[in-house]
Amino acid sequence: MCDKKFFETDSVILYGKNVKPKFHFSCPKGWMNDPNGFSFFNGEFHLYYQHYPFDTKWGPMHWGHATSKDLLHWTDQPIALYPESLCDNQGCFSGTALTENDHQILIYTGVTKNPANTDENIQQQCIAINDGKTFSKLPQNPVIRSSDVKTPFRITDFRDPKIFKDESVYYCASVIMKNDGNGAIALFSSTDLIQWKFLNIIAETNGEMGGMWECPDFFTLDGKDIIIVSPQSVNACDQKGFHDGNNSVYMTGILDKTSFTFKTDTRKENNFYAAEIDYGIDFYAPQTMLSPDGRRIMIAWLQAWESYITPKDHTWSGMMTMPRELVLKNNCLIQRPIKEYEEMIANCPSISGKISAYSLSSDYDKITCHNNSETILTFGNISYPQCELNVKFTLPKNTISESYISPNLSESAKGTYDDSEKLLITVYDDNECYVNFTLNISKMQLTFDRSHSINNGGAINNRSINVKQQDDGSLKFRFIFDTYSCETFINNGEKTFTNAYFLNQTVRKIKVQAKLKCGFEYKFIHFNDM
């Protein structure tokens, strides 16, 4: 234990904070993935997370820990849980927290060797109590054992418990892998946290939405019960809005607490029982909490299992998204930046303007035009890495289409567009590394490309999202940039698009190029010293 504590302290001293994200949490050193135990306790927000402090690659999982007053600026705390007990000596996997009066209940997956087959691990659920000073694992761990699951499943895949309470009863929703390789959510109940009863399978896939599921969440929002889960090995489907590999989705419905079944709504937007939460490359394992003022707030891992892009010289790997406020509108999950972020940027310097179609002049002297058809807007002398760019289009109406028009264009806005009709946002350094965001008007599609970032990105470098006009004909984007990421909020949070990238630690610049038959409004916000 002493060596681990020394490493933990030493890493904070040795690591230079000048190259860290400013308002996206990252661990002091080592590896980080899923958020765990996202909660409020003792007057502070708490964020635990999957952590391996001795390498920038995944290893035996610990629970890292940080606290914050505003959800944007975090203070590193000592590691909360180590994989050192008989119930978890192969890893303390993901879980959640429940605050009760003067303590926190942390429920997590303890991983151990299978006594019947030491070549494989088994996963069972354990509890630790945080009294504000120490973290004490229950001597009865594991409190939910493999034998408690009253349905056929693989004991190697039983993890990620979500704890919640209704009146005097505790509930735990945990994912399992059925014997056919598909995922399901098993629900348990307890009155004392020690003895747990299997209730039912409340959601499952038969292959139509991936294989194993991970990191379930359950909460009530605006009168609907909501399940969040992260399915693996999903096959891409444009109609459903899914991409290949790992996804994070939500379902709306009602949990019947008599039969313990979840009555899922069929979604209007894709005629399916689940919808994508975020359409970017780097968004996984979201977890929510209820803030003291009643907001439902979500955070997620801002990285992808399938595409490791951390530069070799970095001593840390993994970031969290900026926390987001959730509301339900027309049965769809709307995501917005937290109010603390809005307050932070309220007095930051900004530049705004309006560009007419094929504009040849502007009051802002950094705008120039070429070939009478292309507008170049460059914020080149501003020390970049943290900023926000807002862009709003109002597309032309009552024109005749002679080319491909996306079905996401309204009838009144369909016009003659081709693939040259684009908005291009480039973020670049002075060492020829850059990333692009390209809006193709004819396809109504936004594409992210990081193939020209450090080390040419990773295994996945491109991702596209279909966008749609609002009822008034407008199309709105908020691009929120931190040191290594961009979170894009589309049409006031109807869709989000989260992507990570690494550029050189030099002066960065942002350039907007527009070749459009429609004008647009813009606002560039340069964040003050954070």
Foldseek 3Di string as FASTA:
>chain_A
DVVVVVLQVVLQVPDDPPLPWQFWDFHSFADWFWWAAQEDAPQWTKIWTWGDRPHQDDAATFIWIWIDNQLGDIDGDPTAGDLDDQQAVRHFAGEHWDDDDQKIKTKTWGWDADPVHNVAIFIAIWIWMGRPPHTGTDPLPPLGAPVQDPAAFDRRAKTYWYWDDDVQKIKIWIWTFHPVQWIWIWMWIDRPSRHIHTQDTADIDPQQAAGYKDQWYWDDAPHKIKIKIKHAQGDDDVLQLDHGGIFIKMWIADQDPVNRYGDTDQDPSRRHRIHGAAFAQFWDNKYWYQDPVGWIKIKTKRHHPQWAFDDPPDRTDTIMDRIWTWHADPNATFTHHDVSVVVQQVPFDKDKDKAFQLRCDDPDVQWHHPPSFKIKHWPFPAQDQWKKKKKKWQAAFDADEDDQAAPLQDPGRHYHFDQVFKKKKWKAFPPFAIKIWIQGRRHQKIKIARCRAPVRGTPDGMTMDHFHADPNRMKMWMWTGISFWTWIAIPNRSHIYIHGTHHDPHRMIMMMMGRHRTMMIMMMGGGDDD
